Amino acid sequence: MRSFTLGTSVKMIAVAGALLAVPLAGASAAQFNDHTGRMATPTPTSFQGPRADSILNQVRGIDQGIADA
């Protein structure tokens, strides 16, 4: 079994490592917004408006129904 020699195994590991490292490095670099090394802070999500209020009222009604039972 000549295909499993030490030289071939080391080359295969190097190629596999390079193929895995490139996308992971790109994903890691995308988390930073500037060159200071600080991570980007996500924008907070606010739940406002009539649709959000109606959904929250429905959830409160379900919670009250469960408490009453």
N, C-alpha and C. Protein backbone atom coordinates (compact mmCIF):
# COMPACT_ATOMS: atom_id res chain seq x y z
N MET A 1 0.83 -1.17 0.00
CA MET A 1 0.00 0.00 0.00
C MET A 1 0.88 1.24 0.00
N ARG A 2 1.27 1.60 -1.13
CA ARG A 2 2.18 2.71 -1.29
C ARG A 2 1.50 4.06 -1.05
N SER A 3 0.18 4.15 -1.17
CA SER A 3 -0.51 5.42 -1.04
C SER A 3 -0.55 5.92 0.40
N PHE A 4 -0.22 5.09 1.36
CA PHE A 4 -0.26 5.50 2.76
C PHE A 4 1.13 5.68 3.35
N THR A 5 2.04 6.20 2.58
CA THR A 5 3.38 6.46 3.09
C THR A 5 3.37 7.75 3.89
N LEU A 6 4.40 7.97 4.66
CA LEU A 6 4.47 9.14 5.53
C LEU A 6 4.47 10.44 4.74
N GLY A 7 5.18 10.50 3.64
CA GLY A 7 5.23 11.72 2.82
C GLY A 7 3.88 12.08 2.25
N THR A 8 3.16 11.09 1.77
CA THR A 8 1.84 11.34 1.21
C THR A 8 0.87 11.77 2.29
N SER A 9 0.96 11.16 3.46
CA SER A 9 0.06 11.52 4.56
C SER A 9 0.28 12.96 5.00
N VAL A 10 1.53 13.37 5.10
CA VAL A 10 1.83 14.74 5.51
C VAL A 10 1.32 15.73 4.48
N LYS A 11 1.46 15.42 3.20
CA LYS A 11 0.96 16.31 2.16
C LYS A 11 -0.56 16.40 2.21
N MET A 12 -1.22 15.28 2.44
CA MET A 12 -2.69 15.27 2.51
C MET A 12 -3.17 16.09 3.71
N ILE A 13 -2.47 15.97 4.83
CA ILE A 13 -2.85 16.73 6.02
C ILE A 13 -2.64 18.22 5.77
N ALA A 14 -1.57 18.59 5.10
CA ALA A 14 -1.30 19.99 4.80
C ALA A 14 -2.36 20.57 3.87
N VAL A 15 -2.74 19.83 2.86
CA VAL A 15 -3.77 20.31 1.92
C VAL A 15 -5.11 20.42 2.63
N ALA A 16 -5.46 19.44 3.45
CA ALA A 16 -6.73 19.49 4.17
C ALA A 16 -6.74 20.65 5.16
N GLY A 17 -5.63 20.89 5.81
CA GLY A 17 -5.55 22.02 6.74
C GLY A 17 -5.70 23.35 6.05
N ALA A 18 -5.10 23.49 4.89
CA ALA A 18 -5.23 24.73 4.13
C ALA A 18 -6.66 24.94 3.65
N LEU A 19 -7.31 23.87 3.22
CA LEU A 19 -8.69 23.99 2.76
C LEU A 19 -9.64 24.35 3.89
N LEU A 20 -9.34 23.93 5.09
CA LEU A 20 -10.18 24.28 6.23
C LEU A 20 -9.85 25.66 6.79
N ALA A 21 -8.60 26.06 6.74
CA ALA A 21 -8.18 27.31 7.36
C ALA A 21 -8.67 28.54 6.61
N VAL A 22 -8.75 28.49 5.33
CA VAL A 22 -9.11 29.68 4.55
C VAL A 22 -10.54 30.15 4.85
N PRO A 23 -11.56 29.30 4.80
CA PRO A 23 -12.90 29.81 5.12
C PRO A 23 -13.05 30.21 6.58
N LEU A 24 -12.41 29.50 7.48
CA LEU A 24 -12.52 29.84 8.89
C LEU A 24 -11.83 31.17 9.19
N ALA A 25 -10.73 31.44 8.55
CA ALA A 25 -10.04 32.72 8.75
C ALA A 25 -10.89 33.87 8.20
N GLY A 26 -11.53 33.66 7.09
CA GLY A 26 -12.41 34.69 6.53
C GLY A 26 -13.59 34.98 7.43
N ALA A 27 -14.17 33.93 8.01
CA ALA A 27 -15.30 34.12 8.91
C ALA A 27 -14.87 34.83 10.18
N SER A 28 -13.70 34.52 10.66
CA SER A 28 -13.19 35.17 11.86
C SER A 28 -12.88 36.64 11.58
N ALA A 29 -12.34 36.95 10.45
CA ALA A 29 -12.01 38.33 10.12
C ALA A 29 -13.25 39.17 9.88
N ALA A 30 -14.33 38.57 9.46
CA ALA A 30 -15.55 39.30 9.18
C ALA A 30 -16.23 39.81 10.44
N GLN A 31 -15.85 39.30 11.61
CA GLN A 31 -16.46 39.74 12.85
C GLN A 31 -15.97 41.11 13.29
N PHE A 32 -14.85 41.57 12.77
CA PHE A 32 -14.27 42.82 13.22
C PHE A 32 -14.63 43.94 12.24
N ASN A 33 -14.97 45.11 12.80
CA ASN A 33 -15.43 46.19 11.94
C ASN A 33 -14.35 47.20 11.58
N ASP A 34 -13.24 47.21 12.31
CA ASP A 34 -12.17 48.14 11.97
C ASP A 34 -10.83 47.48 12.30
N HIS A 35 -9.76 48.23 12.17
CA HIS A 35 -8.43 47.67 12.37
C HIS A 35 -7.94 47.78 13.80
N THR A 36 -8.82 48.12 14.74
CA THR A 36 -8.40 48.24 16.13
C THR A 36 -8.41 46.90 16.84
N GLY A 37 -9.04 45.90 16.27
CA GLY A 37 -9.10 44.59 16.89
C GLY A 37 -10.34 44.38 17.74
N ARG A 38 -11.18 45.41 17.81
CA ARG A 38 -12.41 45.26 18.59
C ARG A 38 -13.49 44.60 17.74
N MET A 39 -14.32 43.80 18.38
CA MET A 39 -15.39 43.14 17.65
C MET A 39 -16.52 44.12 17.38
N ALA A 40 -17.22 43.93 16.30
CA ALA A 40 -18.35 44.77 15.94
C ALA A 40 -19.51 44.46 16.88
N THR A 41 -20.18 45.50 17.36
CA THR A 41 -21.33 45.29 18.23
C THR A 41 -22.59 45.22 17.39
N PRO A 42 -23.42 44.23 17.64
CA PRO A 42 -24.65 44.12 16.85
C PRO A 42 -25.64 45.22 17.24
N THR A 43 -26.46 45.62 16.31
CA THR A 43 -27.47 46.63 16.60
C THR A 43 -28.59 45.98 17.42
N PRO A 44 -29.05 46.65 18.47
CA PRO A 44 -30.12 46.05 19.28
C PRO A 44 -31.43 46.01 18.51
N THR A 45 -32.19 45.00 18.77
CA THR A 45 -33.49 44.84 18.11
C THR A 45 -34.56 45.41 19.02
N SER A 46 -35.39 46.25 18.48
CA SER A 46 -36.49 46.82 19.27
C SER A 46 -37.80 46.28 18.72
N PHE A 47 -38.67 45.90 19.64
CA PHE A 47 -39.98 45.38 19.27
C PHE A 47 -41.00 46.48 19.56
N GLN A 48 -41.31 47.25 18.53
CA GLN A 48 -42.27 48.33 18.66
C GLN A 48 -43.23 48.28 17.50
N GLY A 49 -44.40 48.81 17.74
CA GLY A 49 -45.38 48.89 16.68
C GLY A 49 -46.62 48.09 17.01
N PRO A 50 -47.67 48.26 16.22
CA PRO A 50 -48.94 47.60 16.53
C PRO A 50 -48.87 46.07 16.39
N ARG A 51 -48.11 45.59 15.46
CA ARG A 51 -48.04 44.14 15.28
C ARG A 51 -47.33 43.49 16.46
N ALA A 52 -46.22 44.08 16.90
CA ALA A 52 -45.51 43.55 18.06
C ALA A 52 -46.37 43.63 19.30
N ASP A 53 -47.11 44.73 19.47
CA ASP A 53 -47.99 44.86 20.63
C ASP A 53 -49.08 43.80 20.63
N SER A 54 -49.66 43.51 19.47
CA SER A 54 -50.72 42.50 19.42
C SER A 54 -50.17 41.10 19.71
N ILE A 55 -48.97 40.83 19.24
CA ILE A 55 -48.37 39.52 19.53
C ILE A 55 -48.07 39.40 21.02
N LEU A 56 -47.53 40.47 21.62
CA LEU A 56 -47.26 40.44 23.06
C LEU A 56 -48.54 40.30 23.87
N ASN A 57 -49.62 40.95 23.43
CA ASN A 57 -50.91 40.81 24.13
C ASN A 57 -51.44 39.39 24.01
N GLN A 58 -51.26 38.75 22.87
CA GLN A 58 -51.68 37.36 22.72
C GLN A 58 -50.89 36.45 23.64
N VAL A 59 -49.60 36.68 23.74
CA VAL A 59 -48.78 35.86 24.63
C VAL A 59 -49.19 36.08 26.08
N ARG A 60 -49.45 37.31 26.46
CA ARG A 60 -49.91 37.58 27.83
C ARG A 60 -51.25 36.92 28.10
N GLY A 61 -52.14 36.91 27.10
CA GLY A 61 -53.44 36.26 27.26
C GLY A 61 -53.30 34.75 27.43
N ILE A 62 -52.41 34.15 26.68
CA ILE A 62 -52.16 32.71 26.82
C ILE A 62 -51.58 32.42 28.20
N ASP A 63 -50.64 33.26 28.63
CA ASP A 63 -50.04 33.07 29.95
C ASP A 63 -51.10 33.21 31.04
N GLN A 64 -51.99 34.20 30.91
CA GLN A 64 -53.05 34.36 31.89
C GLN A 64 -54.02 33.19 31.87
N GLY A 65 -54.33 32.67 30.69
CA GLY A 65 -55.19 31.50 30.60
C GLY A 65 -54.60 30.27 31.27
N ILE A 66 -53.31 30.10 31.13
CA ILE A 66 -52.64 28.97 31.78
C ILE A 66 -52.65 29.17 33.29
N ALA A 67 -52.42 30.41 33.73
CA ALA A 67 -52.43 30.69 35.17
C ALA A 67 -53.83 30.48 35.76
N ASP A 68 -54.86 30.83 35.02
CA ASP A 68 -56.22 30.66 35.51
C ASP A 68 -56.61 29.19 35.59
N ALA A 69 -56.09 28.39 34.69
CA ALA A 69 -56.43 26.96 34.69
C ALA A 69 -55.73 26.29 35.86
